[in-house]
């Protein structure tokens, strides 16, 4: 039986099927996910990431990241300390922030695996094109909540599920490292679950504000 990796609900309905994978949607939190049988090994996953060339001196990549970074820096103090969770090999976002006088620490399972970075809390956390890769969605969000200071901001960038028709031709689902797909309704569920306030920033950017206590 499939279990939702985010809310652990058991009512998952078939959502889409292509030549490579089957996709199911949770009827509780609306997350669309693939079954564990389609997860890549750690070695195969890293091999896919090694193909990326996401570096801070790439102007196109800067423009892409600025859709998250610019509105975020407009909402935090220059004295705030942030964490880029899943920073990638190039650590681009932290370098872009540094050039503007902001400090962001870097953590990445494959490229900056420094456990001490996860031993303290942060005023804000960025998660740019990361959340769709992580199989243990519930564990990830609980970890991020614990890393975020009260009144902190969690900035998430990921393309959002719209509907089944759009999903069928959606290029985003074709990346084998993309295994969990979030809809706006999924983010609304997360906000309610954790007592966060949700702000929709862009077509693929949302901010969560840690304003209340988690709802059990």
N, C-alpha and C. Protein backbone atom coordinates (compact mmCIF):
# COMPACT_ATOMS: atom_id res chain seq x y z
N UNK A 1 0.84 -1.20 0.00
CA UNK A 1 0.00 0.00 0.00
C UNK A 1 0.88 1.24 0.00
N UNK A 2 0.57 2.18 -0.88
CA UNK A 2 1.31 3.44 -0.91
C UNK A 2 0.89 4.34 0.25
N UNK A 3 1.87 5.03 0.82
CA UNK A 3 1.63 5.98 1.90
C UNK A 3 2.19 7.32 1.48
N UNK A 4 1.44 8.38 1.71
CA UNK A 4 1.90 9.71 1.33
C UNK A 4 3.18 10.06 2.09
N UNK A 5 4.23 10.46 1.40
CA UNK A 5 5.49 10.78 2.08
C UNK A 5 5.44 12.09 2.86
N UNK A 6 4.38 12.87 2.71
CA UNK A 6 4.28 14.13 3.43
C UNK A 6 3.38 14.04 4.66
N UNK A 7 2.13 13.63 4.46
CA UNK A 7 1.18 13.60 5.59
C UNK A 7 0.95 12.19 6.10
N UNK A 8 1.52 11.20 5.44
CA UNK A 8 1.38 9.78 5.78
C UNK A 8 -0.05 9.28 5.64
N UNK A 9 -0.81 9.98 4.81
CA UNK A 9 -2.16 9.51 4.49
C UNK A 9 -2.10 8.26 3.63
N UNK A 10 -3.16 7.48 3.68
CA UNK A 10 -3.20 6.21 2.94
C UNK A 10 -4.16 6.24 1.75
N UNK A 11 -4.86 7.35 1.58
CA UNK A 11 -5.79 7.45 0.45
C UNK A 11 -5.10 8.14 -0.72
N UNK A 12 -4.40 7.35 -1.51
CA UNK A 12 -3.69 7.85 -2.68
C UNK A 12 -4.38 7.31 -3.93
N UNK A 13 -4.70 8.19 -4.84
CA UNK A 13 -5.37 7.80 -6.07
C UNK A 13 -4.44 7.98 -7.26
N UNK A 14 -4.61 7.12 -8.26
CA UNK A 14 -3.81 7.22 -9.47
C UNK A 14 -4.01 8.60 -10.09
N UNK A 15 -2.89 9.24 -10.46
CA UNK A 15 -2.95 10.60 -11.00
C UNK A 15 -2.45 10.65 -12.44
N UNK A 16 -1.38 9.90 -12.74
CA UNK A 16 -0.82 9.90 -14.08
C UNK A 16 0.09 8.69 -14.23
N UNK A 17 0.29 8.27 -15.47
CA UNK A 17 1.21 7.18 -15.76
C UNK A 17 1.90 7.48 -17.09
N UNK A 18 3.23 7.33 -17.10
CA UNK A 18 3.95 7.46 -18.36
C UNK A 18 4.80 6.21 -18.56
N UNK A 19 5.71 6.24 -19.50
CA UNK A 19 6.48 5.04 -19.82
C UNK A 19 7.47 4.66 -18.72
N UNK A 20 7.77 5.60 -17.85
CA UNK A 20 8.81 5.34 -16.85
C UNK A 20 8.27 5.19 -15.43
N UNK A 21 7.20 5.93 -15.08
CA UNK A 21 6.78 5.95 -13.68
C UNK A 21 5.26 6.09 -13.55
N UNK A 22 4.76 5.69 -12.39
CA UNK A 22 3.37 5.93 -12.01
C UNK A 22 3.34 7.03 -10.96
N UNK A 23 2.30 7.85 -10.98
CA UNK A 23 2.17 8.97 -10.05
C UNK A 23 0.83 8.86 -9.34
N UNK A 24 0.84 9.14 -8.04
CA UNK A 24 -0.38 9.10 -7.25
C UNK A 24 -0.54 10.42 -6.49
N UNK A 25 -1.80 10.78 -6.23
CA UNK A 25 -2.07 12.01 -5.49
C UNK A 25 -2.74 11.68 -4.16
N UNK A 26 -2.21 12.26 -3.09
CA UNK A 26 -2.79 12.10 -1.76
C UNK A 26 -4.07 12.92 -1.67
N UNK A 27 -5.10 12.31 -1.16
CA UNK A 27 -6.39 13.00 -1.06
C UNK A 27 -6.49 13.87 0.19
N UNK A 28 -5.47 13.80 1.05
CA UNK A 28 -5.44 14.65 2.25
C UNK A 28 -4.68 15.94 1.99
N UNK A 29 -3.42 15.83 1.53
CA UNK A 29 -2.58 17.03 1.35
C UNK A 29 -2.36 17.39 -0.12
N UNK A 30 -2.85 16.58 -1.04
CA UNK A 30 -2.78 16.84 -2.49
C UNK A 30 -1.38 16.70 -3.08
N UNK A 31 -0.43 16.18 -2.32
CA UNK A 31 0.90 15.92 -2.88
C UNK A 31 0.81 14.85 -3.95
N UNK A 32 1.49 15.07 -5.08
CA UNK A 32 1.63 14.06 -6.11
C UNK A 32 3.01 13.44 -5.96
N UNK A 33 3.08 12.12 -5.89
CA UNK A 33 4.36 11.45 -5.63
C UNK A 33 4.49 10.19 -6.47
N UNK A 34 5.73 9.72 -6.56
CA UNK A 34 5.99 8.43 -7.18
C UNK A 34 6.27 7.42 -6.08
N UNK A 35 6.07 6.15 -6.38
CA UNK A 35 6.32 5.10 -5.39
C UNK A 35 7.81 4.93 -5.15
N UNK A 36 8.19 4.44 -3.96
CA UNK A 36 9.62 4.24 -3.65
C UNK A 36 10.36 3.39 -4.66
N UNK A 37 9.67 2.53 -5.37
CA UNK A 37 10.34 1.68 -6.35
C UNK A 37 10.99 2.50 -7.47
N UNK A 38 10.56 3.77 -7.62
CA UNK A 38 11.10 4.62 -8.66
C UNK A 38 12.20 5.56 -8.16
N UNK A 39 12.56 5.46 -6.86
CA UNK A 39 13.62 6.31 -6.34
C UNK A 39 14.97 5.86 -6.89
N UNK A 40 15.82 6.81 -7.20
CA UNK A 40 17.18 6.49 -7.61
C UNK A 40 18.05 6.15 -6.40
N UNK A 41 19.11 5.41 -6.64
CA UNK A 41 20.10 5.20 -5.58
C UNK A 41 20.83 6.51 -5.33
N UNK A 42 21.49 6.62 -4.20
CA UNK A 42 22.24 7.84 -3.89
C UNK A 42 23.29 8.11 -4.97
N UNK A 43 23.93 7.05 -5.44
CA UNK A 43 24.96 7.22 -6.46
C UNK A 43 24.38 7.74 -7.77
N UNK A 44 23.25 7.17 -8.19
CA UNK A 44 22.61 7.60 -9.43
C UNK A 44 22.05 9.02 -9.30
N UNK A 45 21.54 9.34 -8.12
CA UNK A 45 21.01 10.68 -7.89
C UNK A 45 22.13 11.72 -8.00
N UNK A 46 23.24 11.47 -7.33
CA UNK A 46 24.35 12.42 -7.38
C UNK A 46 24.89 12.55 -8.80
N UNK A 47 24.90 11.46 -9.54
CA UNK A 47 25.38 11.51 -10.93
C UNK A 47 24.52 12.47 -11.76
N UNK A 48 23.22 12.50 -11.47
CA UNK A 48 22.34 13.45 -12.17
C UNK A 48 22.68 14.88 -11.77
N UNK A 49 22.91 15.11 -10.47
CA UNK A 49 23.22 16.46 -10.00
C UNK A 49 24.56 16.94 -10.54
N UNK A 50 25.50 16.01 -10.72
CA UNK A 50 26.82 16.39 -11.23
C UNK A 50 26.75 16.95 -12.65
N UNK A 51 25.65 16.68 -13.34
CA UNK A 51 25.48 17.20 -14.69
C UNK A 51 25.10 18.68 -14.69
N UNK A 52 24.62 19.17 -13.54
CA UNK A 52 24.18 20.56 -13.45
C UNK A 52 25.39 21.50 -13.44
N UNK A 53 25.20 22.67 -14.00
CA UNK A 53 26.24 23.69 -13.97
C UNK A 53 25.63 24.98 -13.46
N UNK A 54 25.25 24.94 -12.19
CA UNK A 54 24.56 26.07 -11.57
C UNK A 54 25.55 26.88 -10.73
N UNK A 55 26.18 27.85 -11.36
CA UNK A 55 27.23 28.61 -10.69
C UNK A 55 26.84 30.08 -10.57
N UNK A 56 27.44 30.74 -9.57
CA UNK A 56 27.06 32.10 -9.22
C UNK A 56 27.39 33.11 -10.32
N UNK A 57 28.34 32.81 -11.19
CA UNK A 57 28.68 33.76 -12.25
C UNK A 57 27.84 33.58 -13.51
N UNK A 58 26.88 32.67 -13.47
CA UNK A 58 25.97 32.45 -14.58
C UNK A 58 24.81 33.43 -14.44
N UNK A 59 24.73 34.41 -15.33
CA UNK A 59 23.72 35.46 -15.21
C UNK A 59 22.30 34.91 -15.31
N UNK A 60 22.12 33.91 -16.16
CA UNK A 60 20.80 33.31 -16.27
C UNK A 60 20.38 32.63 -14.99
N UNK A 61 21.32 31.96 -14.34
CA UNK A 61 21.02 31.29 -13.07
C UNK A 61 20.78 32.32 -11.97
N UNK A 62 21.51 33.43 -12.01
CA UNK A 62 21.27 34.50 -11.05
C UNK A 62 19.85 35.03 -11.17
N UNK A 63 19.43 35.26 -12.41
CA UNK A 63 18.07 35.76 -12.64
C UNK A 63 17.04 34.78 -12.09
N UNK A 64 17.28 33.49 -12.29
CA UNK A 64 16.40 32.45 -11.79
C UNK A 64 16.32 32.49 -10.26
N UNK A 65 17.46 32.51 -9.59
CA UNK A 65 17.48 32.51 -8.13
C UNK A 65 16.95 33.80 -7.54
N UNK A 66 17.10 34.89 -8.26
CA UNK A 66 16.63 36.18 -7.75
C UNK A 66 15.12 36.24 -7.58
N UNK A 67 14.40 35.35 -8.22
CA UNK A 67 12.95 35.30 -8.02
C UNK A 67 12.63 34.92 -6.57
N UNK A 68 13.55 34.23 -5.93
CA UNK A 68 13.42 33.91 -4.51
C UNK A 68 14.19 34.90 -3.65
N UNK A 69 15.43 35.18 -4.03
CA UNK A 69 16.32 35.95 -3.18
C UNK A 69 15.88 37.40 -2.99
N UNK A 70 15.50 38.08 -4.06
CA UNK A 70 15.15 39.50 -3.94
C UNK A 70 13.96 39.74 -3.02
N UNK A 71 12.84 39.04 -3.20
CA UNK A 71 11.74 39.28 -2.25
C UNK A 71 12.08 38.84 -0.83
N UNK A 72 12.93 37.84 -0.69
CA UNK A 72 13.31 37.38 0.65
C UNK A 72 14.14 38.43 1.37
N UNK A 73 15.17 38.96 0.70
CA UNK A 73 16.04 39.94 1.35
C UNK A 73 15.27 41.22 1.69
N UNK A 74 14.20 41.48 0.97
CA UNK A 74 13.36 42.62 1.28
C UNK A 74 12.51 42.43 2.52
N UNK A 75 12.51 41.21 3.05
CA UNK A 75 11.69 40.88 4.21
C UNK A 75 12.51 40.53 5.45
N UNK A 76 13.83 40.53 5.35
CA UNK A 76 14.67 40.17 6.50
C UNK A 76 15.69 41.27 6.77
N UNK A 77 16.17 41.32 7.99
CA UNK A 77 17.18 42.29 8.40
C UNK A 77 18.55 41.92 7.81
N UNK A 78 19.38 42.91 7.48
CA UNK A 78 20.75 42.61 7.04
C UNK A 78 21.55 41.87 8.11
N UNK A 79 21.10 41.92 9.36
CA UNK A 79 21.77 41.21 10.45
C UNK A 79 21.31 39.76 10.56
N UNK A 80 20.28 39.41 9.83
CA UNK A 80 19.75 38.04 9.89
C UNK A 80 20.75 37.06 9.27
N UNK A 81 20.73 35.85 9.80
CA UNK A 81 21.59 34.78 9.27
C UNK A 81 20.70 33.70 8.67
N UNK A 82 20.98 33.33 7.44
CA UNK A 82 20.15 32.34 6.75
C UNK A 82 20.88 31.05 6.48
N UNK A 83 20.14 30.08 6.01
CA UNK A 83 20.66 28.77 5.62
C UNK A 83 20.13 28.44 4.24
N UNK A 84 21.02 28.09 3.33
CA UNK A 84 20.60 27.57 2.03
C UNK A 84 20.67 26.05 2.12
N UNK A 85 19.53 25.41 2.28
CA UNK A 85 19.44 23.97 2.46
C UNK A 85 19.35 23.32 1.08
N UNK A 86 20.37 22.53 0.75
CA UNK A 86 20.45 21.97 -0.59
C UNK A 86 21.08 22.96 -1.55
N UNK A 87 22.22 23.52 -1.14
CA UNK A 87 22.83 24.64 -1.86
C UNK A 87 23.41 24.26 -3.20
N UNK A 88 23.69 22.96 -3.42
CA UNK A 88 24.30 22.54 -4.66
C UNK A 88 25.79 22.81 -4.68
N UNK A 89 26.44 22.34 -5.71
CA UNK A 89 27.89 22.43 -5.78
C UNK A 89 28.39 23.86 -5.87
N UNK A 90 27.64 24.72 -6.58
CA UNK A 90 28.09 26.08 -6.80
C UNK A 90 27.86 27.05 -5.66
N UNK A 91 26.97 26.68 -4.72
CA UNK A 91 26.65 27.55 -3.57
C UNK A 91 26.31 28.96 -4.04
N UNK A 92 25.61 29.05 -5.14
CA UNK A 92 25.40 30.33 -5.82
C UNK A 92 24.59 31.31 -4.99
N UNK A 93 23.52 30.86 -4.37
CA UNK A 93 22.63 31.78 -3.68
C UNK A 93 23.33 32.49 -2.54
N UNK A 94 24.16 31.77 -1.78
CA UNK A 94 24.86 32.40 -0.66
C UNK A 94 25.86 33.44 -1.15
N UNK A 95 26.49 33.18 -2.28
CA UNK A 95 27.44 34.14 -2.84
C UNK A 95 26.71 35.39 -3.34
N UNK A 96 25.55 35.19 -3.93
CA UNK A 96 24.75 36.34 -4.37
C UNK A 96 24.31 37.18 -3.18
N UNK A 97 23.91 36.51 -2.09
CA UNK A 97 23.50 37.23 -0.89
C UNK A 97 24.67 37.96 -0.26
N UNK A 98 25.82 37.33 -0.23
CA UNK A 98 27.02 37.95 0.35
C UNK A 98 27.37 39.24 -0.36
N UNK A 99 27.20 39.26 -1.67
CA UNK A 99 27.50 40.46 -2.45
C UNK A 99 26.57 41.61 -2.08
N UNK A 100 25.45 41.30 -1.43
CA UNK A 100 24.49 42.33 -1.02
C UNK A 100 24.54 42.57 0.49
N UNK A 101 25.52 41.96 1.15
CA UNK A 101 25.71 42.21 2.57
C UNK A 101 24.96 41.29 3.50
N UNK A 102 24.47 40.16 2.98
CA UNK A 102 23.72 39.20 3.79
C UNK A 102 24.52 37.91 3.95
N UNK A 103 24.33 37.26 5.08
CA UNK A 103 25.06 36.03 5.38
C UNK A 103 24.13 34.82 5.28
N UNK A 104 24.53 33.87 4.45
CA UNK A 104 23.79 32.61 4.33
C UNK A 104 24.78 31.45 4.43
N UNK A 105 24.52 30.53 5.36
CA UNK A 105 25.32 29.32 5.49
C UNK A 105 24.84 28.30 4.45
N UNK A 106 25.70 27.35 4.14
CA UNK A 106 25.37 26.35 3.11
C UNK A 106 25.33 24.94 3.68
N UNK A 107 24.29 24.20 3.26
CA UNK A 107 24.25 22.77 3.57
C UNK A 107 23.74 22.03 2.34
N UNK A 108 24.37 20.91 2.05
CA UNK A 108 23.92 20.05 0.96
C UNK A 108 24.38 18.62 1.27
N UNK A 109 23.50 17.68 1.10
CA UNK A 109 23.81 16.28 1.40
C UNK A 109 25.03 15.80 0.62
N UNK A 110 25.18 16.27 -0.61
CA UNK A 110 26.25 15.78 -1.48
C UNK A 110 27.43 16.73 -1.60
N UNK A 111 27.21 18.03 -1.49
CA UNK A 111 28.26 18.99 -1.80
C UNK A 111 28.71 19.84 -0.61
N UNK A 112 27.97 19.85 0.47
CA UNK A 112 28.36 20.65 1.65
C UNK A 112 27.77 19.98 2.88
N UNK A 113 28.15 18.73 3.09
CA UNK A 113 27.55 17.93 4.16
C UNK A 113 28.29 18.18 5.47
N UNK A 114 27.94 19.31 6.09
CA UNK A 114 28.55 19.73 7.35
C UNK A 114 27.48 19.68 8.44
N UNK A 115 27.44 18.59 9.23
CA UNK A 115 26.37 18.43 10.23
C UNK A 115 26.28 19.57 11.23
N UNK A 116 27.42 20.23 11.52
CA UNK A 116 27.38 21.31 12.51
C UNK A 116 26.51 22.47 12.04
N UNK A 117 26.35 22.60 10.72
CA UNK A 117 25.49 23.65 10.18
C UNK A 117 24.04 23.43 10.61
N UNK A 118 23.67 22.17 10.81
CA UNK A 118 22.30 21.82 11.17
C UNK A 118 22.10 21.75 12.68
N UNK A 119 23.09 22.20 13.44
CA UNK A 119 23.00 22.15 14.90
C UNK A 119 22.56 23.49 15.49
N UNK A 120 22.23 24.46 14.64
CA UNK A 120 21.75 25.75 15.14
C UNK A 120 20.56 26.22 14.31
N UNK A 121 19.92 27.28 14.80
CA UNK A 121 18.73 27.79 14.13
C UNK A 121 19.04 29.03 13.31
N UNK A 122 18.13 29.33 12.38
CA UNK A 122 18.37 30.42 11.43
C UNK A 122 17.15 31.33 11.34
N UNK A 123 17.45 32.57 10.95
CA UNK A 123 16.38 33.56 10.78
C UNK A 123 15.57 33.31 9.52
N UNK A 124 16.20 32.71 8.53
CA UNK A 124 15.49 32.33 7.31
C UNK A 124 16.20 31.15 6.66
N UNK A 125 15.46 30.40 5.90
CA UNK A 125 15.99 29.22 5.21
C UNK A 125 15.50 29.27 3.77
N UNK A 126 16.42 29.01 2.83
CA UNK A 126 16.04 28.92 1.42
C UNK A 126 16.10 27.46 0.98
N UNK A 127 15.15 27.09 0.17
CA UNK A 127 15.03 25.73 -0.35
C UNK A 127 14.67 25.87 -1.82
N UNK A 128 15.68 26.11 -2.66
CA UNK A 128 15.43 26.40 -4.07
C UNK A 128 15.66 25.16 -4.92
N UNK A 129 14.60 24.69 -5.53
CA UNK A 129 14.64 23.49 -6.38
C UNK A 129 15.25 22.30 -5.62
N UNK A 130 14.75 22.08 -4.42
CA UNK A 130 15.23 20.99 -3.56
C UNK A 130 14.09 20.10 -3.09
N UNK A 131 12.98 20.70 -2.70
CA UNK A 131 11.92 19.97 -2.02
C UNK A 131 11.35 18.84 -2.87
N UNK A 132 11.39 18.99 -4.19
CA UNK A 132 10.85 17.96 -5.07
C UNK A 132 11.75 16.73 -5.17
N UNK A 133 12.99 16.86 -4.69
CA UNK A 133 13.95 15.75 -4.76
C UNK A 133 13.94 14.84 -3.54
N UNK A 134 13.38 15.31 -2.42
CA UNK A 134 13.55 14.63 -1.13
C UNK A 134 12.43 13.63 -0.90
N UNK A 135 12.80 12.37 -0.69
CA UNK A 135 11.81 11.30 -0.55
C UNK A 135 11.03 11.41 0.76
N UNK A 136 11.73 11.68 1.87
CA UNK A 136 11.07 11.79 3.17
C UNK A 136 10.59 13.22 3.36
N UNK A 137 9.48 13.52 2.72
CA UNK A 137 8.96 14.89 2.76
C UNK A 137 8.58 15.30 4.18
N UNK A 138 7.97 14.40 4.93
CA UNK A 138 7.57 14.71 6.31
C UNK A 138 8.80 15.00 7.16
N UNK A 139 9.82 14.18 7.03
CA UNK A 139 11.04 14.37 7.81
C UNK A 139 11.74 15.66 7.45
N UNK A 140 11.76 16.00 6.16
CA UNK A 140 12.39 17.23 5.72
C UNK A 140 11.70 18.45 6.31
N UNK A 141 10.38 18.50 6.22
CA UNK A 141 9.67 19.68 6.72
C UNK A 141 9.78 19.80 8.24
N UNK A 142 9.76 18.68 8.95
CA UNK A 142 9.94 18.73 10.40
C UNK A 142 11.34 19.24 10.74
N UNK A 143 12.34 18.81 9.99
CA UNK A 143 13.71 19.28 10.22
C UNK A 143 13.82 20.78 9.96
N UNK A 144 13.24 21.24 8.86
CA UNK A 144 13.30 22.66 8.55
C UNK A 144 12.58 23.50 9.61
N UNK A 145 11.47 23.00 10.11
CA UNK A 145 10.75 23.70 11.17
C UNK A 145 11.63 23.84 12.42
N UNK A 146 12.38 22.79 12.73
CA UNK A 146 13.25 22.83 13.91
C UNK A 146 14.45 23.75 13.70
N UNK A 147 14.86 23.93 12.44
CA UNK A 147 16.00 24.79 12.14
C UNK A 147 15.63 26.27 12.05
N UNK A 148 14.34 26.55 11.98
CA UNK A 148 13.87 27.91 11.77
C UNK A 148 13.52 28.57 13.10
N UNK A 149 14.07 29.74 13.34
CA UNK A 149 13.76 30.48 14.56
C UNK A 149 12.30 30.96 14.53
N UNK A 150 11.71 31.19 15.70
CA UNK A 150 10.39 31.82 15.73
C UNK A 150 10.43 33.14 14.95
N UNK A 151 9.39 33.42 14.20
CA UNK A 151 9.27 34.60 13.32
C UNK A 151 10.14 34.47 12.06
N UNK A 152 10.75 33.29 11.88
CA UNK A 152 11.60 33.09 10.71
C UNK A 152 10.81 32.85 9.44
N UNK A 153 11.53 32.86 8.31
CA UNK A 153 10.91 32.66 7.00
C UNK A 153 11.54 31.47 6.31
N UNK A 154 10.70 30.59 5.79
CA UNK A 154 11.14 29.48 4.94
C UNK A 154 10.74 29.81 3.51
N UNK A 155 11.73 29.96 2.63
CA UNK A 155 11.48 30.31 1.24
C UNK A 155 11.66 29.08 0.37
N UNK A 156 10.60 28.67 -0.31
CA UNK A 156 10.60 27.45 -1.11
C UNK A 156 10.40 27.79 -2.58
N UNK A 157 11.30 27.28 -3.41
CA UNK A 157 11.13 27.41 -4.86
C UNK A 157 10.97 26.02 -5.46
N UNK A 158 9.86 25.77 -6.09
CA UNK A 158 9.60 24.53 -6.81
C UNK A 158 8.41 24.77 -7.73
N UNK A 159 8.39 24.16 -8.87
CA UNK A 159 7.25 24.33 -9.77
C UNK A 159 6.05 23.59 -9.20
N UNK A 160 4.88 24.20 -9.32
CA UNK A 160 3.69 23.67 -8.66
C UNK A 160 2.80 22.88 -9.61
N UNK A 161 2.20 21.83 -9.07
CA UNK A 161 1.20 21.05 -9.79
C UNK A 161 -0.03 21.92 -10.04
N UNK A 162 -0.53 21.87 -11.24
CA UNK A 162 -1.74 22.63 -11.57
C UNK A 162 -2.96 21.72 -11.68
N UNK A 163 -2.92 20.76 -12.61
CA UNK A 163 -4.03 19.83 -12.79
C UNK A 163 -3.52 18.64 -13.59
N UNK A 164 -4.35 17.63 -13.73
CA UNK A 164 -3.92 16.40 -14.41
C UNK A 164 -3.59 16.63 -15.88
N UNK A 165 -4.37 17.48 -16.54
CA UNK A 165 -4.11 17.73 -17.96
C UNK A 165 -2.75 18.37 -18.16
N UNK A 166 -2.45 19.38 -17.37
CA UNK A 166 -1.15 20.04 -17.48
C UNK A 166 -0.02 19.10 -17.05
N UNK A 167 -0.28 18.27 -16.07
CA UNK A 167 0.75 17.35 -15.58
C UNK A 167 1.18 16.37 -16.67
N UNK A 168 0.25 15.95 -17.49
CA UNK A 168 0.55 14.95 -18.53
C UNK A 168 1.65 15.40 -19.48
N UNK A 169 1.73 16.70 -19.75
CA UNK A 169 2.74 17.21 -20.68
C UNK A 169 3.80 18.05 -19.96
N UNK A 170 3.87 17.93 -18.65
CA UNK A 170 4.75 18.77 -17.82
C UNK A 170 6.18 18.24 -17.86
N UNK A 171 7.11 19.03 -18.36
CA UNK A 171 8.51 18.60 -18.46
C UNK A 171 9.11 18.34 -17.09
N UNK A 172 8.60 19.02 -16.08
CA UNK A 172 9.18 18.96 -14.72
C UNK A 172 9.15 17.54 -14.15
N UNK A 173 8.13 16.79 -14.53
CA UNK A 173 7.99 15.43 -14.00
C UNK A 173 8.98 14.46 -14.63
N UNK A 174 9.62 14.85 -15.72
CA UNK A 174 10.48 13.93 -16.46
C UNK A 174 11.87 13.78 -15.86
N UNK A 175 12.25 14.65 -14.97
CA UNK A 175 13.53 14.52 -14.28
C UNK A 175 13.42 13.35 -13.30
N UNK A 176 14.28 12.33 -13.42
CA UNK A 176 14.15 11.15 -12.56
C UNK A 176 14.44 11.43 -11.09
N UNK A 177 15.04 12.58 -10.79
CA UNK A 177 15.30 12.93 -9.39
C UNK A 177 14.12 13.69 -8.77
N UNK A 178 13.14 14.06 -9.58
CA UNK A 178 11.93 14.73 -9.08
C UNK A 178 10.92 13.65 -8.70
N UNK A 179 10.62 13.55 -7.42
CA UNK A 179 9.76 12.46 -6.95
C UNK A 179 8.53 12.92 -6.17
N UNK A 180 8.54 14.16 -5.67
CA UNK A 180 7.39 14.71 -4.97
C UNK A 180 7.03 16.06 -5.58
N UNK A 181 5.76 16.23 -5.90
CA UNK A 181 5.29 17.42 -6.61
C UNK A 181 4.21 18.10 -5.79
N UNK A 182 4.42 19.38 -5.51
CA UNK A 182 3.58 20.13 -4.58
C UNK A 182 2.61 21.04 -5.33
N UNK A 183 1.39 21.06 -4.88
CA UNK A 183 0.38 21.98 -5.40
C UNK A 183 0.20 23.13 -4.40
N UNK A 184 -0.48 24.17 -4.81
CA UNK A 184 -0.77 25.26 -3.87
C UNK A 184 -1.55 24.72 -2.68
N UNK A 185 -2.45 23.78 -2.93
CA UNK A 185 -3.22 23.18 -1.84
C UNK A 185 -2.32 22.42 -0.87
N UNK A 186 -1.23 21.84 -1.37
CA UNK A 186 -0.28 21.14 -0.51
C UNK A 186 0.40 22.14 0.42
N UNK A 187 0.78 23.28 -0.11
CA UNK A 187 1.41 24.30 0.72
C UNK A 187 0.43 24.86 1.73
N UNK A 188 -0.83 24.96 1.37
CA UNK A 188 -1.85 25.40 2.32
C UNK A 188 -1.99 24.38 3.45
N UNK A 189 -1.93 23.09 3.11
CA UNK A 189 -1.97 22.05 4.13
C UNK A 189 -0.76 22.16 5.07
N UNK A 190 0.42 22.39 4.50
CA UNK A 190 1.63 22.53 5.31
C UNK A 190 1.52 23.71 6.27
N UNK A 191 1.02 24.83 5.77
CA UNK A 191 0.88 26.02 6.61
C UNK A 191 -0.04 25.73 7.79
N UNK A 192 -1.14 25.05 7.52
CA UNK A 192 -2.07 24.73 8.60
C UNK A 192 -1.45 23.74 9.58
N UNK A 193 -0.74 22.77 9.07
CA UNK A 193 -0.16 21.72 9.91
C UNK A 193 0.90 22.28 10.86
N UNK A 194 1.72 23.19 10.36
CA UNK A 194 2.82 23.72 11.16
C UNK A 194 2.50 25.05 11.83
N UNK A 195 1.32 25.61 11.55
CA UNK A 195 1.00 26.91 12.12
C UNK A 195 1.79 28.02 11.47
N UNK A 196 2.13 27.82 10.19
CA UNK A 196 2.85 28.85 9.44
C UNK A 196 1.85 29.71 8.67
N UNK A 197 2.31 30.90 8.30
CA UNK A 197 1.52 31.73 7.38
C UNK A 197 2.12 31.60 5.99
N UNK A 198 1.29 31.35 5.02
CA UNK A 198 1.73 31.14 3.64
C UNK A 198 1.57 32.41 2.84
N UNK A 199 2.61 32.74 2.06
CA UNK A 199 2.53 33.83 1.10
C UNK A 199 2.98 33.31 -0.27
N UNK A 200 2.13 33.45 -1.26
CA UNK A 200 2.48 33.06 -2.63
C UNK A 200 3.25 34.23 -3.26
N UNK A 201 4.51 34.00 -3.60
CA UNK A 201 5.37 35.06 -4.13
C UNK A 201 5.35 35.08 -5.64
N UNK A 202 5.45 33.92 -6.26
CA UNK A 202 5.60 33.81 -7.71
C UNK A 202 5.00 32.48 -8.13
N UNK A 203 5.04 32.20 -9.41
CA UNK A 203 4.47 30.96 -9.92
C UNK A 203 5.18 29.73 -9.38
N UNK A 204 6.44 29.89 -8.92
CA UNK A 204 7.16 28.75 -8.35
C UNK A 204 7.88 29.10 -7.05
N UNK A 205 7.44 30.16 -6.38
CA UNK A 205 8.05 30.58 -5.12
C UNK A 205 6.96 30.83 -4.08
N UNK A 206 7.14 30.24 -2.90
CA UNK A 206 6.25 30.52 -1.77
C UNK A 206 7.12 30.78 -0.54
N UNK A 207 6.60 31.62 0.37
CA UNK A 207 7.24 31.88 1.65
C UNK A 207 6.32 31.38 2.76
N UNK A 208 6.93 30.77 3.77
CA UNK A 208 6.22 30.41 4.98
C UNK A 208 6.78 31.23 6.13
N UNK A 209 5.91 31.79 6.95
CA UNK A 209 6.32 32.58 8.10
C UNK A 209 5.99 31.79 9.36
N UNK A 210 6.99 31.54 10.18
CA UNK A 210 6.80 30.75 11.40
C UNK A 210 6.26 31.66 12.50
N UNK A 211 4.95 31.80 12.54
CA UNK A 211 4.32 32.78 13.42
C UNK A 211 3.60 32.17 14.60
N UNK A 212 3.24 30.89 14.49
CA UNK A 212 2.45 30.27 15.55
C UNK A 212 3.06 28.93 15.93
N UNK A 213 2.46 28.28 16.90
CA UNK A 213 2.91 26.96 17.31
C UNK A 213 2.37 25.90 16.37
N UNK A 214 3.14 24.83 16.22
CA UNK A 214 2.71 23.73 15.38
C UNK A 214 1.42 23.13 15.88
N UNK A 215 0.54 22.78 14.96
CA UNK A 215 -0.73 22.13 15.28
C UNK A 215 -0.53 20.62 15.17
N UNK A 216 -0.75 19.90 16.25
CA UNK A 216 -0.57 18.45 16.24
C UNK A 216 -1.82 17.73 15.74
